[in-house]
Amino acid sequence: MEEYKTIASTFLKEVAFGNIDLAFKKYVAEDFMHHNQYFEGSRDALMQAMKEDHKTNPNLDFEIKKVYADGNTVITHSLVSKQTMQIAVVHISRFENNRIVELWDLGQIIEKDSPNKYGLF
């Protein structure tokens, strides 16, 4: 499980800072699928979407706050800082043969004036 946590974390950091081709080549299975509702569910579709996002709105910072593992599944809870906003993101990665074969991502913009003193972390 520790190896999966390391792979998931490294993959997300590489992608966050624009090393998308390298990250997919090293850590993602060829038969990968994802569950982002805004894109077709293939490996190539997500790669292209990540490249376009990085080009138009690059991340200024990316920090993984928590990492959890259960069997072949890893969950990360991260803070993404972009030029105009901060986003709390949860990624769920499922592994086979030390490769990410399935990915879910859920994000929420962090409101500056939230009444909740505990925040999203």
C-alpha atoms as a PDB file:
ATOM      1  CA  MET A   1       0.000   0.000   0.000  1.00  0.00           C
ATOM      2  CA  GLU A   2       2.863   2.411   0.690  1.00  0.00           C
ATOM      3  CA  GLU A   3       4.109   1.976  -2.867  1.00  0.00           C
ATOM      4  CA  TYR A   4       0.652   2.835  -4.220  1.00  0.00           C
ATOM      5  CA  LYS A   5       0.541   5.934  -2.026  1.00  0.00           C
ATOM      6  CA  THR A   6       3.915   7.036  -3.393  1.00  0.00           C
ATOM      7  CA  ILE A   7       2.908   6.393  -7.003  1.00  0.00           C
ATOM      8  CA  ALA A   8      -0.417   8.241  -6.647  1.00  0.00           C
ATOM      9  CA  SER A   9       1.261  11.216  -4.967  1.00  0.00           C
ATOM     10  CA  THR A  10       4.100  11.412  -7.481  1.00  0.00           C
ATOM     11  CA  PHE A  11       1.709  11.113 -10.417  1.00  0.00           C
ATOM     12  CA  LEU A  12      -0.422  13.996  -9.147  1.00  0.00           C
ATOM     13  CA  LYS A  13       2.599  16.230  -8.470  1.00  0.00           C
ATOM     14  CA  GLU A  14       4.038  15.583 -11.940  1.00  0.00           C
ATOM     15  CA  VAL A  15       0.693  16.364 -13.581  1.00  0.00           C
ATOM     16  CA  ALA A  16       0.148  19.458 -11.422  1.00  0.00           C
ATOM     17  CA  PHE A  17       3.349  21.040 -12.654  1.00  0.00           C
ATOM     18  CA  GLY A  18       2.930  20.180 -16.331  1.00  0.00           C
ATOM     19  CA  ASN A  19       4.889  16.934 -16.686  1.00  0.00           C
ATOM     20  CA  ILE A  20       1.789  15.218 -17.998  1.00  0.00           C
ATOM     21  CA  ASP A  21       3.298  12.992 -20.696  1.00  0.00           C
ATOM     22  CA  LEU A  22       5.982  11.722 -18.313  1.00  0.00           C
ATOM     23  CA  ALA A  23       3.460  11.105 -15.520  1.00  0.00           C
ATOM     24  CA  PHE A  24       1.152   9.094 -17.755  1.00  0.00           C
ATOM     25  CA  LYS A  25       4.029   7.120 -19.266  1.00  0.00           C
ATOM     26  CA  LYS A  26       5.469   6.163 -15.853  1.00  0.00           C
ATOM     27  CA  TYR A  27       2.359   5.626 -13.741  1.00  0.00           C
ATOM     28  CA  VAL A  28      -0.794   5.077 -15.808  1.00  0.00           C
ATOM     29  CA  ALA A  29      -1.924   1.836 -17.445  1.00  0.00           C
ATOM     30  CA  GLU A  30      -2.715   1.762 -21.151  1.00  0.00           C
ATOM     31  CA  ASP A  31      -6.280   0.565 -20.414  1.00  0.00           C
ATOM     32  CA  PHE A  32      -6.827   3.395 -17.902  1.00  0.00           C
ATOM     33  CA  MET A  33     -10.259   4.919 -17.448  1.00  0.00           C
ATOM     34  CA  HIS A  34     -11.401   7.978 -15.512  1.00  0.00           C
ATOM     35  CA  HIS A  35     -14.661   9.281 -14.117  1.00  0.00           C
ATOM     36  CA  ASN A  36     -14.464  13.041 -14.667  1.00  0.00           C
ATOM     37  CA  GLN A  37     -17.909  13.979 -15.921  1.00  0.00           C
ATOM     38  CA  TYR A  38     -16.609  16.739 -18.183  1.00  0.00           C
ATOM     39  CA  PHE A  39     -14.500  14.539 -20.487  1.00  0.00           C
ATOM     40  CA  GLU A  40     -14.802  11.293 -22.394  1.00  0.00           C
ATOM     41  CA  GLY A  41     -13.467   8.522 -20.112  1.00  0.00           C
ATOM     42  CA  SER A  42     -10.299   7.499 -21.949  1.00  0.00           C
ATOM     43  CA  ARG A  43      -6.635   7.898 -21.063  1.00  0.00           C
ATOM     44  CA  ASP A  44      -5.999  10.160 -24.060  1.00  0.00           C
ATOM     45  CA  ALA A  45      -8.984  12.403 -23.353  1.00  0.00           C
ATOM     46  CA  LEU A  46      -7.844  13.075 -19.794  1.00  0.00           C
ATOM     47  CA  MET A  47      -4.243  13.667 -20.884  1.00  0.00           C
ATOM     48  CA  GLN A  48      -5.354  16.237 -23.437  1.00  0.00           C
ATOM     49  CA  ALA A  49      -7.660  17.963 -20.948  1.00  0.00           C
ATOM     50  CA  MET A  50      -4.831  18.163 -18.388  1.00  0.00           C
ATOM     51  CA  LYS A  51      -2.449  19.609 -20.970  1.00  0.00           C
ATOM     52  CA  GLU A  52      -4.975  22.222 -22.059  1.00  0.00           C
ATOM     53  CA  ASP A  53      -5.742  23.185 -18.456  1.00  0.00           C
ATOM     54  CA  HIS A  54      -2.060  23.520 -17.639  1.00  0.00           C
ATOM     55  CA  LYS A  55      -1.524  25.706 -20.693  1.00  0.00           C
ATOM     56  CA  THR A  56      -4.455  28.069 -20.014  1.00  0.00           C
ATOM     57  CA  ASN A  57      -4.500  28.065 -16.193  1.00  0.00           C
ATOM     58  CA  PRO A  58      -1.288  26.602 -14.727  1.00  0.00           C
ATOM     59  CA  ASN A  59      -1.094  25.591 -11.099  1.00  0.00           C
ATOM     60  CA  LEU A  60       0.907  27.934  -8.920  1.00  0.00           C
ATOM     61  CA  ASP A  61       1.123  25.390  -6.134  1.00  0.00           C
ATOM     62  CA  PHE A  62      -0.039  21.872  -5.365  1.00  0.00           C
ATOM     63  CA  GLU A  63       0.083  20.360  -1.905  1.00  0.00           C
ATOM     64  CA  ILE A  64      -1.127  16.939  -0.875  1.00  0.00           C
ATOM     65  CA  LYS A  65      -2.549  17.294   2.618  1.00  0.00           C
ATOM     66  CA  LYS A  66      -3.578  13.681   3.291  1.00  0.00           C
ATOM     67  CA  VAL A  67      -3.094  10.275   1.662  1.00  0.00           C
ATOM     68  CA  TYR A  68      -5.084   7.162   2.531  1.00  0.00           C
ATOM     69  CA  ALA A  69      -4.751   3.639   1.167  1.00  0.00           C
ATOM     70  CA  ASP A  70      -6.942   0.575   1.344  1.00  0.00           C
ATOM     71  CA  GLY A  71      -5.777  -2.415  -0.658  1.00  0.00           C
ATOM     72  CA  ASN A  72      -5.329  -1.317  -4.265  1.00  0.00           C
ATOM     73  CA  THR A  73      -7.086   2.043  -3.781  1.00  0.00           C
ATOM     74  CA  VAL A  74      -5.469   5.342  -2.774  1.00  0.00           C
ATOM     75  CA  ILE A  75      -7.274   8.548  -1.815  1.00  0.00           C
ATOM     76  CA  THR A  76      -5.493  11.905  -1.765  1.00  0.00           C
ATOM     77  CA  HIS A  77      -6.836  15.187  -0.378  1.00  0.00           C
ATOM     78  CA  SER A  78      -4.997  18.129  -1.918  1.00  0.00           C
ATOM     79  CA  LEU A  79      -4.865  21.904  -2.162  1.00  0.00           C
ATOM     80  CA  VAL A  80      -4.510  23.280  -5.703  1.00  0.00           C
ATOM     81  CA  SER A  81      -3.619  26.956  -6.054  1.00  0.00           C
ATOM     82  CA  LYS A  82      -4.296  28.573  -9.403  1.00  0.00           C
ATOM     83  CA  GLN A  83      -4.010  32.198 -10.457  1.00  0.00           C
ATOM     84  CA  THR A  84      -7.595  33.051  -9.591  1.00  0.00           C
ATOM     85  CA  MET A  85      -8.624  30.472  -6.986  1.00  0.00           C
ATOM     86  CA  GLN A  86      -7.767  27.703  -4.578  1.00  0.00           C
ATOM     87  CA  ILE A  87      -9.430  24.319  -4.902  1.00  0.00           C
ATOM     88  CA  ALA A  88      -9.717  21.394  -2.491  1.00  0.00           C
ATOM     89  CA  VAL A  89      -9.417  18.212  -4.558  1.00  0.00           C
ATOM     90  CA  VAL A  90      -9.927  14.544  -3.734  1.00  0.00           C
ATOM     91  CA  HIS A  91      -8.462  11.975  -6.125  1.00  0.00           C
ATOM     92  CA  ILE A  92      -9.271   8.293  -5.866  1.00  0.00           C
ATOM     93  CA  SER A  93      -6.854   6.022  -7.731  1.00  0.00           C
ATOM     94  CA  ARG A  94      -7.285   2.291  -8.270  1.00  0.00           C
ATOM     95  CA  PHE A  95      -4.194   0.230  -9.056  1.00  0.00           C
ATOM     96  CA  GLU A  96      -3.324  -2.968 -10.896  1.00  0.00           C
ATOM     97  CA  ASN A  97       0.285  -4.122 -11.374  1.00  0.00           C
ATOM     98  CA  ASN A  98       1.677  -0.887  -9.865  1.00  0.00           C
ATOM     99  CA  ARG A  99      -0.163   1.253 -12.437  1.00  0.00           C
ATOM    100  CA  ILE A 100      -3.151   3.532 -12.063  1.00  0.00           C
ATOM    101  CA  VAL A 101      -6.010   1.890 -13.952  1.00  0.00           C
ATOM    102  CA  GLU A 102      -8.903   4.022 -12.756  1.00  0.00           C
ATOM    103  CA  LEU A 103      -9.231   7.576 -11.420  1.00  0.00           C
ATOM    104  CA  TRP A 104     -11.963   9.704  -9.873  1.00  0.00           C
ATOM    105  CA  ASP A 105     -11.522  13.390  -9.039  1.00  0.00           C
ATOM    106  CA  LEU A 106     -13.753  15.703  -7.044  1.00  0.00           C
ATOM    107  CA  GLY A 107     -13.006  19.383  -6.531  1.00  0.00           C
ATOM    108  CA  GLN A 108     -14.481  22.277  -4.628  1.00  0.00           C
ATOM    109  CA  ILE A 109     -13.474  25.931  -4.880  1.00  0.00           C
ATOM    110  CA  ILE A 110     -12.418  27.303  -1.506  1.00  0.00           C
ATOM    111  CA  GLU A 111     -14.538  30.324  -0.649  1.00  0.00           C
ATOM    112  CA  LYS A 112     -12.623  33.154   1.002  1.00  0.00           C
ATOM    113  CA  ASP A 113     -15.520  34.125   3.265  1.00  0.00           C
ATOM    114  CA  SER A 114     -16.768  30.723   4.354  1.00  0.00           C
ATOM    115  CA  PRO A 115     -18.636  30.711   7.669  1.00  0.00           C
ATOM    116  CA  ASN A 116     -17.096  27.319   8.497  1.00  0.00           C
ATOM    117  CA  LYS A 117     -14.065  27.965  10.696  1.00  0.00           C
ATOM    118  CA  TYR A 118     -12.747  24.421  10.054  1.00  0.00           C
ATOM    119  CA  GLY A 119     -12.380  24.950   6.312  1.00  0.00           C
ATOM    120  CA  LEU A 120     -11.885  22.146   3.817  1.00  0.00           C
ATOM    121  CA  PHE A 121      -8.761  20.686   5.416  1.00  0.00           C
END
